[in-house]
PDB file of N, CA and C in Angstrom:
ATOM      1  N   MET A   1      -3.270-152.578 -16.161  1.00  0.00           N
ATOM      2  CA  MET A   1      -3.942-153.567 -15.349  1.00  0.00           C
ATOM      3  C   MET A   1      -2.899-154.510 -14.780  1.00  0.00           C
ATOM      4  N   PHE A   2      -3.079-154.903 -13.555  1.00  0.00           N
ATOM      5  CA  PHE A   2      -2.157-155.821 -12.903  1.00  0.00           C
ATOM      6  C   PHE A   2      -2.882-157.094 -12.505  1.00  0.00           C
ATOM      7  N   LEU A   3      -2.278-158.227 -12.791  1.00  0.00           N
ATOM      8  CA  LEU A   3      -2.808-159.522 -12.362  1.00  0.00           C
ATOM      9  C   LEU A   3      -1.793-160.199 -11.457  1.00  0.00           C
ATOM     10  N   THR A   4      -2.278-160.747 -10.370  1.00  0.00           N
ATOM     11  CA  THR A   4      -1.398-161.563  -9.550  1.00  0.00           C
ATOM     12  C   THR A   4      -1.163-162.876 -10.282  1.00  0.00           C
ATOM     13  N   GLU A   5      -0.176-163.623  -9.863  1.00  0.00           N
ATOM     14  CA  GLU A   5       0.062-164.937 -10.471  1.00  0.00           C
ATOM     15  C   GLU A   5      -1.162-165.828 -10.319  1.00  0.00           C
ATOM     16  N   ASN A   6      -1.826-165.746  -9.177  1.00  0.00           N
ATOM     17  CA  ASN A   6      -3.032-166.536  -8.942  1.00  0.00           C
ATOM     18  C   ASN A   6      -4.152-166.120  -9.898  1.00  0.00           C
ATOM     19  N   ASP A   7      -4.324-164.810 -10.084  1.00  0.00           N
ATOM     20  CA  ASP A   7      -5.335-164.313 -11.025  1.00  0.00           C
ATOM     21  C   ASP A   7      -5.047-164.817 -12.434  1.00  0.00           C
ATOM     22  N   ARG A   8      -3.788-164.701 -12.854  1.00  0.00           N
ATOM     23  CA  ARG A   8      -3.384-165.128 -14.200  1.00  0.00           C
ATOM     24  C   ARG A   8      -3.640-166.624 -14.372  1.00  0.00           C
ATOM     25  N   GLU A   9      -3.272-167.410 -13.380  1.00  0.00           N
ATOM     26  CA  GLU A   9      -3.476-168.855 -13.445  1.00  0.00           C
ATOM     27  C   GLU A   9      -4.957-169.197 -13.542  1.00  0.00           C
ATOM     28  N   THR A  10      -5.778-168.517 -12.758  1.00  0.00           N
ATOM     29  CA  THR A  10      -7.219-168.747 -12.786  1.00  0.00           C
ATOM     30  C   THR A  10      -7.807-168.416 -14.149  1.00  0.00           C
ATOM     31  N   LEU A  11      -7.402-167.301 -14.720  1.00  0.00           N
ATOM     32  CA  LEU A  11      -7.916-166.891 -16.030  1.00  0.00           C
ATOM     33  C   LEU A  11      -7.453-167.836 -17.131  1.00  0.00           C
ATOM     34  N   LEU A  12      -6.196-168.225 -17.103  1.00  0.00           N
ATOM     35  CA  LEU A  12      -5.694-169.146 -18.124  1.00  0.00           C
ATOM     36  C   LEU A  12      -6.358-170.518 -18.015  1.00  0.00           C
ATOM     37  N   THR A  13      -6.646-170.956 -16.803  1.00  0.00           N
ATOM     38  CA  THR A  13      -7.346-172.230 -16.616  1.00  0.00           C
ATOM     39  C   THR A  13      -8.738-172.151 -17.238  1.00  0.00           C
ATOM     40  N   ALA A  14      -9.436-171.059 -17.005  1.00  0.00           N
ATOM     41  CA  ALA A  14     -10.768-170.886 -17.602  1.00  0.00           C
ATOM     42  C   ALA A  14     -10.679-170.810 -19.119  1.00  0.00           C
ATOM     43  N   LEU A  15      -9.678-170.103 -19.606  1.00  0.00           N
ATOM     44  CA  LEU A  15      -9.497-169.931 -21.046  1.00  0.00           C
ATOM     45  C   LEU A  15      -9.180-171.247 -21.736  1.00  0.00           C
ATOM     46  N   ASN A  16      -8.471-172.111 -21.056  1.00  0.00           N
ATOM     47  CA  ASN A  16      -8.052-173.380 -21.645  1.00  0.00           C
ATOM     48  C   ASN A  16      -8.959-174.550 -21.295  1.00  0.00           C
ATOM     49  N   ALA A  17     -10.147-174.256 -20.800  1.00  0.00           N
ATOM     50  CA  ALA A  17     -11.105-175.320 -20.492  1.00  0.00           C
ATOM     51  C   ALA A  17     -11.399-176.114 -21.757  1.00  0.00           C
ATOM     52  N   LYS A  18     -11.585-177.384 -21.601  1.00  0.00           N
ATOM     53  CA  LYS A  18     -11.774-178.262 -22.757  1.00  0.00           C
ATOM     54  C   LYS A  18     -13.233-178.600 -23.040  1.00  0.00           C
ATOM     55  N   ASN A  19     -14.168-177.921 -22.358  1.00  0.00           N
ATOM     56  CA  ASN A  19     -15.564-178.251 -22.667  1.00  0.00           C
ATOM     57  C   ASN A  19     -15.925-177.712 -24.051  1.00  0.00           C
ATOM     58  N   SER A  20     -16.863-178.359 -24.674  1.00  0.00           N
ATOM     59  CA  SER A  20     -17.143-178.090 -26.091  1.00  0.00           C
ATOM     60  C   SER A  20     -17.587-176.655 -26.360  1.00  0.00           C
ATOM     61  N   GLU A  21     -18.305-176.044 -25.445  1.00  0.00           N
ATOM     62  CA  GLU A  21     -18.766-174.675 -25.672  1.00  0.00           C
ATOM     63  C   GLU A  21     -17.585-173.706 -25.733  1.00  0.00           C
ATOM     64  N   VAL A  22     -16.624-173.899 -24.836  1.00  0.00           N
ATOM     65  CA  VAL A  22     -15.446-173.023 -24.822  1.00  0.00           C
ATOM     66  C   VAL A  22     -14.620-173.228 -26.092  1.00  0.00           C
ATOM     67  N   VAL A  23     -14.407-174.472 -26.453  1.00  0.00           N
ATOM     68  CA  VAL A  23     -13.608-174.777 -27.646  1.00  0.00           C
ATOM     69  C   VAL A  23     -14.283-174.213 -28.897  1.00  0.00           C
ATOM     70  N   GLN A  24     -15.587-174.391 -29.012  1.00  0.00           N
ATOM     71  CA  GLN A  24     -16.303-173.877 -30.183  1.00  0.00           C
ATOM     72  C   GLN A  24     -16.250-172.362 -30.246  1.00  0.00           C
ATOM     73  N   ALA A  25     -16.372-171.698 -29.109  1.00  0.00           N
ATOM     74  CA  ALA A  25     -16.315-170.237 -29.090  1.00  0.00           C
ATOM     75  C   ALA A  25     -14.927-169.747 -29.474  1.00  0.00           C
ATOM     76  N   ARG A  26     -13.895-170.415 -28.980  1.00  0.00           N
ATOM     77  CA  ARG A  26     -12.527-170.016 -29.316  1.00  0.00           C
ATOM     78  C   ARG A  26     -12.239-170.271 -30.799  1.00  0.00           C
ATOM     79  N   MET A  27     -12.741-171.390 -31.317  1.00  0.00           N
ATOM     80  CA  MET A  27     -12.556-171.695 -32.735  1.00  0.00           C
ATOM     81  C   MET A  27     -13.250-170.637 -33.594  1.00  0.00           C
ATOM     82  N   ALA A  28     -14.476-170.290 -33.238  1.00  0.00           N
ATOM     83  CA  ALA A  28     -15.213-169.274 -33.991  1.00  0.00           C
ATOM     84  C   ALA A  28     -14.473-167.941 -33.952  1.00  0.00           C
ATOM     85  N   ASN A  29     -13.982-167.557 -32.789  1.00  0.00           N
ATOM     86  CA  ASN A  29     -13.248-166.308 -32.649  1.00  0.00           C
ATOM     87  C   ASN A  29     -12.004-166.320 -33.528  1.00  0.00           C
ATOM     88  N   ALA A  30     -11.262-167.414 -33.496  1.00  0.00           N
ATOM     89  CA  ALA A  30     -10.050-167.524 -34.307  1.00  0.00           C
ATOM     90  C   ALA A  30     -10.367-167.431 -35.791  1.00  0.00           C
ATOM     91  N   LEU A  31     -11.392-168.146 -36.238  1.00  0.00           N
ATOM     92  CA  LEU A  31     -11.749-168.133 -37.658  1.00  0.00           C
ATOM     93  C   LEU A  31     -12.196-166.745 -38.111  1.00  0.00           C
ATOM     94  N   LEU A  32     -12.919-166.048 -37.254  1.00  0.00           N
ATOM     95  CA  LEU A  32     -13.339-164.687 -37.602  1.00  0.00           C
ATOM     96  C   LEU A  32     -12.140-163.745 -37.708  1.00  0.00           C
ATOM     97  N   LEU A  33     -11.194-163.872 -36.799  1.00  0.00           N
ATOM     98  CA  LEU A  33      -9.986-163.047 -36.870  1.00  0.00           C
ATOM     99  C   LEU A  33      -9.179-163.354 -38.132  1.00  0.00           C
ATOM    100  N   LEU A  34      -9.085-164.635 -38.484  1.00  0.00           N
ATOM    101  CA  LEU A  34      -8.389-165.011 -39.715  1.00  0.00           C
ATOM    102  C   LEU A  34      -9.103-164.449 -40.933  1.00  0.00           C
ATOM    103  N   ALA A  35     -10.426-164.508 -40.938  1.00  0.00           N
ATOM    104  CA  ALA A  35     -11.203-163.968 -42.058  1.00  0.00           C
ATOM    105  C   ALA A  35     -11.043-162.458 -42.173  1.00  0.00           C
ATOM    106  N   ASP A  36     -10.733-161.811 -41.048  1.00  0.00           N
ATOM    107  CA  ASP A  36     -10.489-160.364 -41.060  1.00  0.00           C
ATOM    108  C   ASP A  36      -9.076-160.012 -41.501  1.00  0.00           C
ATOM    109  N   GLY A  37      -8.271-161.043 -41.802  1.00  0.00           N
ATOM    110  CA  GLY A  37      -6.957-160.790 -42.363  1.00  0.00           C
ATOM    111  C   GLY A  37      -5.772-161.025 -41.437  1.00  0.00           C
ATOM    112  N   LEU A  38      -6.002-161.411 -40.196  1.00  0.00           N
ATOM    113  CA  LEU A  38      -4.885-161.694 -39.308  1.00  0.00           C
ATOM    114  C   LEU A  38      -4.235-163.014 -39.707  1.00  0.00           C
ATOM    115  N   SER A  39      -2.970-163.139 -39.425  1.00  0.00           N
ATOM    116  CA  SER A  39      -2.249-164.372 -39.736  1.00  0.00           C
ATOM    117  C   SER A  39      -2.492-165.413 -38.642  1.00  0.00           C
ATOM    118  N   VAL A  40      -2.199-166.659 -38.972  1.00  0.00           N
ATOM    119  CA  VAL A  40      -2.308-167.736 -37.989  1.00  0.00           C
ATOM    120  C   VAL A  40      -1.435-167.408 -36.780  1.00  0.00           C
ATOM    121  N   GLU A  41      -0.234-166.929 -37.040  1.00  0.00           N
ATOM    122  CA  GLU A  41       0.685-166.586 -35.959  1.00  0.00           C
ATOM    123  C   GLU A  41       0.114-165.491 -35.058  1.00  0.00           C
ATOM    124  N   ASP A  42      -0.462-164.456 -35.646  1.00  0.00           N
ATOM    125  CA  ASP A  42      -1.045-163.359 -34.864  1.00  0.00           C
ATOM    126  C   ASP A  42      -2.237-163.829 -34.037  1.00  0.00           C
ATOM    127  N   VAL A  43      -3.111-164.618 -34.658  1.00  0.00           N
ATOM    128  CA  VAL A  43      -4.285-165.123 -33.948  1.00  0.00           C
ATOM    129  C   VAL A  43      -3.848-165.992 -32.772  1.00  0.00           C
ATOM    130  N   ALA A  44      -2.898-166.866 -33.008  1.00  0.00           N
ATOM    131  CA  ALA A  44      -2.420-167.745 -31.937  1.00  0.00           C
ATOM    132  C   ALA A  44      -1.865-166.914 -30.781  1.00  0.00           C
ATOM    133  N   GLY A  45      -1.089-165.906 -31.089  1.00  0.00           N
ATOM    134  CA  GLY A  45      -0.520-165.061 -30.044  1.00  0.00           C
ATOM    135  C   GLY A  45      -1.568-164.291 -29.271  1.00  0.00           C
ATOM    136  N   LEU A  46      -2.513-163.724 -29.974  1.00  0.00           N
ATOM    137  CA  LEU A  46      -3.568-162.946 -29.319  1.00  0.00           C
ATOM    138  C   LEU A  46      -4.488-163.803 -28.452  1.00  0.00           C
ATOM    139  N   MET A  47      -4.670-165.046 -28.850  1.00  0.00           N
ATOM    140  CA  MET A  47      -5.633-165.903 -28.150  1.00  0.00           C
ATOM    141  C   MET A  47      -4.982-166.916 -27.205  1.00  0.00           C
ATOM    142  N   TYR A  48      -3.680-166.795 -27.002  1.00  0.00           N
ATOM    143  CA  TYR A  48      -2.958-167.720 -26.117  1.00  0.00           C
ATOM    144  C   TYR A  48      -3.115-169.162 -26.581  1.00  0.00           C
ATOM    145  N   LEU A  49      -2.941-169.357 -27.876  1.00  0.00           N
ATOM    146  CA  LEU A  49      -3.032-170.684 -28.487  1.00  0.00           C
ATOM    147  C   LEU A  49      -1.729-171.000 -29.192  1.00  0.00           C
ATOM    148  N   ASP A  50      -1.522-172.258 -29.503  1.00  0.00           N
ATOM    149  CA  ASP A  50      -0.383-172.598 -30.337  1.00  0.00           C
ATOM    150  C   ASP A  50      -0.830-172.513 -31.799  1.00  0.00           C
ATOM    151  N   GLU A  51       0.124-172.238 -32.668  1.00  0.00           N
ATOM    152  CA  GLU A  51      -0.197-172.063 -34.088  1.00  0.00           C
ATOM    153  C   GLU A  51      -0.800-173.325 -34.697  1.00  0.00           C
ATOM    154  N   ALA A  52      -0.378-174.490 -34.229  1.00  0.00           N
ATOM    155  CA  ALA A  52      -0.908-175.749 -34.770  1.00  0.00           C
ATOM    156  C   ALA A  52      -2.407-175.879 -34.507  1.00  0.00           C
ATOM    157  N   SER A  53      -2.871-175.410 -33.362  1.00  0.00           N
ATOM    158  CA  SER A  53      -4.311-175.472 -33.070  1.00  0.00           C
ATOM    159  C   SER A  53      -5.093-174.596 -34.039  1.00  0.00           C
ATOM    160  N   VAL A  54      -4.609-173.378 -34.243  1.00  0.00           N
ATOM    161  CA  VAL A  54      -5.297-172.458 -35.156  1.00  0.00           C
ATOM    162  C   VAL A  54      -5.286-173.015 -36.575  1.00  0.00           C
ATOM    163  N   ALA A  55      -4.138-173.491 -37.022  1.00  0.00           N
ATOM    164  CA  ALA A  55      -4.046-174.065 -38.368  1.00  0.00           C
ATOM    165  C   ALA A  55      -4.942-175.288 -38.499  1.00  0.00           C
ATOM    166  N   GLY A  56      -5.034-176.082 -37.438  1.00  0.00           N
ATOM    167  CA  GLY A  56      -5.914-177.257 -37.463  1.00  0.00           C
ATOM    168  C   GLY A  56      -7.369-176.862 -37.594  1.00  0.00           C
ATOM    169  N   TRP A  57      -7.765-175.802 -36.897  1.00  0.00           N
ATOM    170  CA  TRP A  57      -9.146-175.333 -37.007  1.00  0.00           C
ATOM    171  C   TRP A  57      -9.442-174.843 -38.420  1.00  0.00           C
ATOM    172  N   VAL A  58      -8.470-174.183 -39.050  1.00  0.00           N
ATOM    173  CA  VAL A  58      -8.632-173.742 -40.438  1.00  0.00           C
ATOM    174  C   VAL A  58      -8.854-174.961 -41.334  1.00  0.00           C
ATOM    175  N   SER A  59      -8.068-175.986 -41.119  1.00  0.00           N
ATOM    176  CA  SER A  59      -8.181-177.203 -41.924  1.00  0.00           C
ATOM    177  C   SER A  59      -9.544-177.856 -41.749  1.00  0.00           C
ATOM    178  N   VAL A  60      -9.988-177.976 -40.507  1.00  0.00           N
ATOM    179  CA  VAL A  60     -11.299-178.581 -40.223  1.00  0.00           C
ATOM    180  C   VAL A  60     -12.406-177.761 -40.885  1.00  0.00           C
ATOM    181  N   PHE A  61     -12.353-176.448 -40.733  1.00  0.00           N
ATOM    182  CA  PHE A  61     -13.382-175.586 -41.319  1.00  0.00           C
ATOM    183  C   PHE A  61     -13.365-175.657 -42.831  1.00  0.00           C
ATOM    184  N   SER A  62     -12.175-175.670 -43.417  1.00  0.00           N
ATOM    185  CA  SER A  62     -12.061-175.724 -44.879  1.00  0.00           C
ATOM    186  C   SER A  62     -12.638-177.016 -45.445  1.00  0.00           C
ATOM    187  N   LYS A  63     -12.456-178.124 -44.735  1.00  0.00           N
ATOM    188  CA  LYS A  63     -13.006-179.395 -45.180  1.00  0.00           C
ATOM    189  C   LYS A  63     -14.519-179.418 -45.086  1.00  0.00           C
ATOM    190  N   ARG A  64     -15.064-178.755 -44.080  1.00  0.00           N
ATOM    191  CA  ARG A  64     -16.523-178.698 -43.893  1.00  0.00           C
ATOM    192  C   ARG A  64     -17.180-177.710 -44.854  1.00  0.00           C
ATOM    193  N   ASN A  65     -16.446-176.667 -45.205  1.00  0.00           N
ATOM    194  CA  ASN A  65     -16.973-175.593 -46.057  1.00  0.00           C
ATOM    195  C   ASN A  65     -15.996-175.303 -47.183  1.00  0.00           C
ATOM    196  N   PRO A  66     -15.863-176.208 -48.160  1.00  0.00           N
ATOM    197  CA  PRO A  66     -14.880-175.988 -49.208  1.00  0.00           C
ATOM    198  C   PRO A  66     -15.105-174.713 -50.007  1.00  0.00           C
ATOM    199  N   GLN A  67     -16.331-174.230 -50.093  1.00  0.00           N
ATOM    200  CA  GLN A  67     -16.605-173.006 -50.833  1.00  0.00           C
ATOM    201  C   GLN A  67     -16.136-171.788 -50.072  1.00  0.00           C
ATOM    202  N   GLY A  68     -15.790-171.945 -48.796  1.00  0.00           N
ATOM    203  CA  GLY A  68     -15.337-170.819 -47.980  1.00  0.00           C
ATOM    204  C   GLY A  68     -13.881-170.499 -48.152  1.00  0.00           C
ATOM    205  N   ASN A  69     -13.152-171.266 -48.959  1.00  0.00           N
ATOM    206  CA  ASN A  69     -11.719-171.029 -49.145  1.00  0.00           C
ATOM    207  C   ASN A  69     -11.455-169.790 -49.949  1.00  0.00           C
TER     208      ASN A  69
END
């Protein structure tokens, strides 16, 4: 598959939208991938995120659901 620079920019802009629905969906996706055994580093790379964001989501989820650790 080939993407022009404009296509790539458009997709990354949509992916990095800060509205709550997008953020919640990305967080859920990341947590599910982590639960399936992927590392924070792998999830961050696959989802075009920084590792600190993924680790932060793990921390937030762990505090909300301590029995899920």
